[in-house]
Amino acid sequence: MNDQNGTIAKVKQMVRDANNIVVLLGIGTVIESGGENIWSSRECYRLEEKYHKSPDEMMSVEYYSARRDKFFEFYKNEIIANILEPASLYDELVILQKQGKVSKFITQNYYNLECKAGLEDVIELHGNIKHNICPHCGKKFDVEYMQKAKGVPTCDECKCAIRPGVLLFGEKILNGPMTEAVNACEKADLILVLGTNMYDNMVRFCTGDYKGERPPLVLITKEEHYTDRYADLVIHDKVCDVLPQIISKDLPEKKRIKEEDVIVKPVKQNKAAKK
């Protein structure tokens, strides 16, 4: 416990000193918000017993294309049946954001928790359950429409099956968000990895796909993993319990400067330099 307390004190100082933090949010933040990890051993067993297929199969682009009725039976029952509310850890991240310390939040969760909590500059690598679109006419539909639809949700205008706004197995992450995430981590002066482990694809891609020395990386997660040694500092506890201990509340809020707010003044040409 003393070692953990010492680590928490070190991380608190690191967060206090940092000005360009990137936060990576893993499945643990969903679990702390009341959700399930459908790829855990327990959930995989339950789902295979119920549907006679693995979650990987049912959340694949092939299954969506070939067995759309069964896909949406699973999707509506297991993914969007209960709309999650952000856990208290997100309130702490909002405080950190208001202090002007966070440049990017990166997540592969698609439960809309970051948006609901009021986080900005979020890179959603796997999409979002609130973004649903008709592939034929482009009309957009919210998650409530998907929930209430009988059978396969269809567009109310052209009757085409609606495409959920989440990444399915067999699809690649768009190059733009992935590049943005990697670049953000490369420029960071501190990386916080919350609710996952160093073997997570998101963590490996974001922190290992660029040249040069990696910024300091702090891992905060409840479960131990053999890859923990690749983090600079590790705290094994619930993210909800750790963040209040490492985020200083006495720092002033800072107004965030967005790119569109920056006015570029034209450079006056030196008359003497003119020919």
Protein backbone atom coordinates (compact mmCIF):
# COMPACT_ATOMS: atom_id res chain seq x y z
CA MET A 1 0.00 0.00 0.00
CA ASN A 2 2.87 2.38 0.82
CA ASP A 3 4.38 1.74 -2.63
CA GLN A 4 1.01 2.47 -4.24
CA ASN A 5 0.66 5.70 -2.24
CA GLY A 6 4.13 6.74 -3.36
CA THR A 7 3.23 6.05 -6.98
CA ILE A 8 0.02 8.07 -6.66
CA ALA A 9 2.02 11.02 -5.28
CA LYS A 10 4.47 10.81 -8.21
CA VAL A 11 1.65 10.64 -10.77
CA LYS A 12 -0.15 13.58 -9.17
CA GLN A 13 2.98 15.70 -9.60
CA MET A 14 3.42 14.51 -13.18
CA VAL A 15 -0.18 15.48 -14.01
CA ARG A 16 0.26 18.83 -12.27
CA ASP A 17 3.41 19.60 -14.27
CA ALA A 18 2.08 18.40 -17.64
CA ASN A 19 0.47 20.68 -20.20
CA ASN A 20 -0.19 18.32 -23.10
CA ILE A 21 -1.78 15.15 -21.75
CA VAL A 22 -3.30 12.48 -23.97
CA VAL A 23 -5.81 10.16 -22.29
CA LEU A 24 -6.52 6.67 -23.66
CA LEU A 25 -9.78 5.17 -22.40
CA GLY A 26 -10.20 1.40 -22.39
CA ILE A 27 -13.02 -1.05 -21.69
CA GLY A 28 -12.50 -0.69 -17.93
CA THR A 29 -14.05 2.78 -18.09
CA VAL A 30 -17.16 1.21 -19.66
CA ILE A 31 -17.33 -1.43 -16.91
CA GLU A 32 -17.06 1.26 -14.23
CA SER A 33 -20.00 3.00 -15.97
CA GLY A 34 -22.14 -0.11 -15.56
CA GLY A 35 -21.40 -1.79 -18.89
CA GLU A 36 -20.07 -5.23 -19.75
CA ASN A 37 -17.01 -6.41 -21.60
CA ILE A 38 -18.67 -8.73 -24.11
CA TRP A 39 -15.26 -10.18 -24.95
CA SER A 40 -14.49 -11.32 -21.41
CA SER A 41 -14.44 -15.08 -20.83
CA ARG A 42 -17.61 -14.96 -18.74
CA GLU A 43 -19.56 -12.87 -21.24
CA CYS A 44 -18.31 -14.85 -24.25
CA TYR A 45 -19.56 -18.05 -22.62
CA ARG A 46 -22.96 -16.50 -21.82
CA LEU A 47 -23.40 -15.09 -25.31
CA GLU A 48 -22.37 -18.29 -27.07
CA GLU A 49 -24.83 -20.21 -24.92
CA LYS A 50 -27.58 -17.75 -25.87
CA TYR A 51 -26.85 -17.13 -29.56
CA HIS A 52 -24.68 -20.17 -30.47
CA LYS A 53 -22.07 -17.85 -31.94
CA SER A 54 -19.18 -15.83 -30.57
CA PRO A 55 -19.39 -12.03 -30.14
CA ASP A 56 -16.65 -11.69 -32.77
CA GLU A 57 -18.81 -13.49 -35.33
CA MET A 58 -21.99 -11.58 -34.51
CA MET A 59 -20.26 -8.19 -34.54
CA SER A 60 -18.60 -8.83 -37.90
CA VAL A 61 -19.30 -7.10 -41.20
CA GLU A 62 -19.90 -10.52 -42.76
CA TYR A 63 -22.65 -11.34 -40.24
CA TYR A 64 -24.21 -7.89 -40.71
CA SER A 65 -24.32 -8.47 -44.47
CA ALA A 66 -25.44 -12.12 -44.50
CA ARG A 67 -27.65 -12.41 -41.39
CA ARG A 68 -28.90 -8.89 -40.79
CA ASP A 69 -31.88 -10.03 -38.73
CA LYS A 70 -29.68 -12.02 -36.35
CA PHE A 71 -27.09 -9.25 -36.25
CA PHE A 72 -29.65 -6.72 -35.07
CA GLU A 73 -31.16 -9.16 -32.60
CA PHE A 74 -27.74 -9.34 -30.94
CA TYR A 75 -26.92 -5.64 -31.42
CA LYS A 76 -30.17 -4.38 -29.90
CA ASN A 77 -30.19 -6.87 -27.02
CA GLU A 78 -26.53 -6.71 -26.03
CA ILE A 79 -25.04 -3.42 -27.27
CA ILE A 80 -27.74 -0.74 -27.13
CA ALA A 81 -30.41 -2.23 -24.85
CA ASN A 82 -29.18 -0.21 -21.86
CA ILE A 83 -27.78 3.24 -22.56
CA LEU A 84 -24.90 3.83 -20.16
CA GLU A 85 -24.28 6.94 -18.11
CA PRO A 86 -20.70 8.18 -17.49
CA ALA A 87 -19.10 7.09 -14.24
CA SER A 88 -17.56 9.62 -11.84
CA LEU A 89 -14.17 9.16 -13.51
CA TYR A 90 -15.46 11.27 -16.40
CA ASP A 91 -16.20 14.16 -14.02
CA GLU A 92 -12.53 14.11 -13.05
CA LEU A 93 -11.49 14.15 -16.70
CA VAL A 94 -13.72 17.17 -17.30
CA ILE A 95 -11.84 18.97 -14.50
CA LEU A 96 -8.54 18.10 -16.16
CA GLN A 97 -9.91 19.35 -19.48
CA LYS A 98 -11.04 22.65 -17.96
CA GLN A 99 -7.53 23.16 -16.59
CA GLY A 100 -6.33 23.13 -20.19
CA LYS A 101 -4.10 20.12 -19.68
CA VAL A 102 -5.60 17.59 -22.11
CA SER A 103 -4.98 17.80 -25.85
CA LYS A 104 -6.81 14.59 -26.88
CA PHE A 105 -8.99 11.85 -25.49
CA ILE A 106 -8.67 8.61 -27.46
CA THR A 107 -11.12 5.74 -27.10
CA GLN A 108 -12.14 2.56 -28.85
CA ASN A 109 -15.31 2.38 -26.76
CA TYR A 110 -18.44 3.26 -28.71
CA TYR A 111 -20.98 3.87 -25.95
CA ASN A 112 -21.01 7.68 -26.25
CA LEU A 113 -19.77 8.13 -22.67
CA GLU A 114 -17.16 10.75 -23.55
CA CYS A 115 -19.69 12.95 -25.38
CA LYS A 116 -22.29 12.62 -22.61
CA ALA A 117 -19.71 13.63 -20.02
CA GLY A 118 -18.82 16.77 -21.95
CA LEU A 119 -15.34 15.77 -23.06
CA GLU A 120 -14.02 17.54 -26.17
CA ASP A 121 -11.32 16.66 -28.69
CA VAL A 122 -12.27 12.99 -28.58
CA ILE A 123 -10.97 10.55 -31.19
CA GLU A 124 -13.42 7.64 -31.47
CA LEU A 125 -11.47 4.88 -33.17
CA HIS A 126 -14.38 2.42 -33.23
CA GLY A 127 -17.22 4.84 -33.89
CA ASN A 128 -20.22 5.66 -31.72
CA ILE A 129 -23.62 4.02 -31.17
CA LYS A 130 -25.33 7.41 -31.60
CA HIS A 131 -24.18 7.73 -35.22
CA ASN A 132 -26.37 5.60 -37.49
CA ILE A 133 -26.86 6.26 -41.17
CA CYS A 134 -28.82 5.06 -44.14
CA PRO A 135 -26.21 3.91 -46.68
CA HIS A 136 -28.59 4.71 -49.54
CA CYS A 137 -29.84 8.25 -48.88
CA GLY A 138 -27.48 9.33 -46.07
CA LYS A 139 -30.19 10.17 -43.53
CA LYS A 140 -28.98 9.96 -39.93
CA PHE A 141 -30.75 8.23 -37.05
CA ASP A 142 -30.19 8.34 -33.30
CA VAL A 143 -29.78 5.34 -31.03
CA GLU A 144 -33.34 5.64 -29.73
CA TYR A 145 -34.66 5.05 -33.25
CA MET A 146 -32.52 1.92 -33.48
CA GLN A 147 -33.79 0.66 -30.12
CA LYS A 148 -37.47 1.11 -30.96
CA ALA A 149 -37.30 -0.36 -34.47
CA LYS A 150 -38.95 -3.75 -34.91
CA GLY A 151 -36.58 -6.29 -36.41
CA VAL A 152 -34.04 -4.73 -38.74
CA PRO A 153 -34.02 -0.91 -38.38
CA THR A 154 -34.77 0.64 -41.76
CA CYS A 155 -34.72 4.16 -43.11
CA ASP A 156 -38.13 5.81 -42.80
CA GLU A 157 -37.69 7.38 -46.22
CA CYS A 158 -36.07 4.83 -48.55
CA LYS A 159 -36.63 1.67 -46.45
CA CYS A 160 -32.96 0.66 -46.69
CA ALA A 161 -31.40 -1.12 -43.69
CA ILE A 162 -29.62 1.38 -41.44
CA ARG A 163 -25.90 0.98 -40.87
CA PRO A 164 -24.79 1.22 -37.21
CA GLY A 165 -22.06 3.77 -36.61
CA VAL A 166 -19.67 1.34 -34.94
CA LEU A 167 -16.65 -0.45 -36.35
CA LEU A 168 -17.41 -4.10 -37.11
CA PHE A 169 -14.96 -6.97 -37.14
CA GLY A 170 -13.43 -7.24 -40.60
CA GLU A 171 -13.36 -3.47 -41.08
CA LYS A 172 -10.27 -1.31 -40.72
CA ILE A 173 -10.00 1.81 -38.61
CA LEU A 174 -10.03 4.85 -40.87
CA ASN A 175 -6.54 6.14 -41.53
CA GLY A 176 -7.40 9.72 -40.52
CA PRO A 177 -8.39 9.07 -36.88
CA MET A 178 -5.58 6.55 -36.44
CA THR A 179 -2.96 8.99 -37.71
CA GLU A 180 -4.41 11.77 -35.56
CA ALA A 181 -4.23 9.53 -32.48
CA VAL A 182 -0.63 8.49 -33.11
CA ASN A 183 0.46 12.08 -33.76
CA ALA A 184 -1.27 13.26 -30.57
CA CYS A 185 0.58 10.68 -28.49
CA GLU A 186 3.88 11.57 -30.12
CA LYS A 187 3.47 15.24 -29.18
CA ALA A 188 2.19 14.59 -25.65
CA ASP A 189 4.23 15.30 -22.53
CA LEU A 190 2.24 12.66 -20.59
CA ILE A 191 0.05 9.72 -21.60
CA LEU A 192 -2.61 8.36 -19.24
CA VAL A 193 -3.91 4.89 -20.08
CA LEU A 194 -7.14 4.17 -18.20
CA GLY A 195 -8.97 0.90 -17.77
CA THR A 196 -7.02 -1.38 -20.09
CA ASN A 197 -3.52 -2.86 -20.48
CA MET A 198 -0.43 -2.35 -22.58
CA TYR A 199 -1.38 -5.24 -24.86
CA ASP A 200 -4.54 -3.47 -25.98
CA ASN A 201 -4.41 -2.78 -29.73
CA MET A 202 -5.31 0.86 -29.17
CA VAL A 203 -2.43 1.33 -26.74
CA ARG A 204 0.08 -0.51 -28.92
CA PHE A 205 -0.86 1.40 -32.07
CA CYS A 206 -1.00 4.81 -30.43
CA THR A 207 2.18 4.53 -28.40
CA GLY A 208 4.36 2.35 -30.60
CA ASP A 209 3.81 3.51 -34.17
CA TYR A 210 6.13 6.51 -34.22
CA LYS A 211 9.86 7.04 -34.06
CA GLY A 212 11.68 8.66 -31.17
CA GLU A 213 11.38 8.48 -27.42
CA ARG A 214 7.91 7.85 -26.03
CA PRO A 215 6.45 10.38 -23.57
CA PRO A 216 6.03 9.16 -19.96
CA LEU A 217 3.13 6.69 -19.75
CA VAL A 218 1.03 6.03 -16.65
CA LEU A 219 -1.25 2.99 -16.56
CA ILE A 220 -4.27 3.02 -14.23
CA THR A 221 -6.31 -0.17 -14.29
CA LYS A 222 -7.89 -2.60 -11.87
CA GLU A 223 -6.62 -5.81 -13.44
CA GLU A 224 -2.96 -6.81 -13.48
CA HIS A 225 -1.42 -7.93 -16.80
CA TYR A 226 1.97 -9.27 -17.76
CA THR A 227 2.53 -6.24 -20.05
CA ASP A 228 2.28 -3.80 -17.12
CA ARG A 229 6.07 -3.61 -17.12
CA TYR A 230 6.00 -1.60 -20.35
CA ALA A 231 4.36 1.34 -18.58
CA ASP A 232 6.51 3.84 -16.71
CA LEU A 233 4.22 3.84 -13.68
CA VAL A 234 1.31 1.54 -12.83
CA ILE A 235 -1.55 1.92 -10.36
CA HIS A 236 -3.80 -1.11 -9.88
CA ASP A 237 -7.17 0.18 -8.72
CA LYS A 238 -10.48 1.41 -10.08
CA VAL A 239 -10.04 4.47 -12.27
CA CYS A 240 -12.90 6.15 -10.38
CA ASP A 241 -10.94 5.84 -7.14
CA VAL A 242 -7.56 6.92 -8.51
CA LEU A 243 -8.34 10.01 -10.60
CA PRO A 244 -9.57 12.14 -7.65
CA GLN A 245 -6.22 11.47 -5.97
CA ILE A 246 -4.03 12.53 -8.91
CA ILE A 247 -5.94 15.53 -10.28
CA SER A 248 -5.29 18.76 -8.40
CA LYS A 249 -8.43 20.80 -7.75
CA ASP A 250 -6.61 24.04 -6.89
CA LEU A 251 -5.44 24.80 -10.44
CA PRO A 252 -7.30 27.53 -12.34
CA GLU A 253 -9.41 26.83 -15.39
CA LYS A 254 -7.95 27.84 -18.72
CA LYS A 255 -9.81 28.87 -21.83
CA ARG A 256 -9.20 26.33 -24.56
CA ILE A 257 -7.88 27.81 -27.80
CA LYS A 258 -9.35 26.16 -30.87
CA GLU A 259 -7.78 26.33 -34.30
CA GLU A 260 -10.78 28.19 -35.74
CA ASP A 261 -10.41 30.88 -33.06
CA VAL A 262 -6.86 31.72 -34.05
CA ILE A 263 -6.70 34.79 -36.27
CA VAL A 264 -3.67 34.83 -38.50
CA LYS A 265 -2.58 38.38 -39.19
CA PRO A 266 -0.99 39.09 -42.58
CA VAL A 267 2.72 39.75 -42.43
CA LYS A 268 3.60 43.29 -43.44
CA GLN A 269 6.23 43.35 -46.11
CA ASN A 270 9.29 45.48 -45.44
CA LYS A 271 9.26 48.32 -47.97
CA ALA A 272 13.03 48.34 -48.07
CA ALA A 273 12.96 44.74 -49.17
CA LYS A 274 10.71 45.50 -52.14
CA LYS A 275 12.30 45.74 -55.53
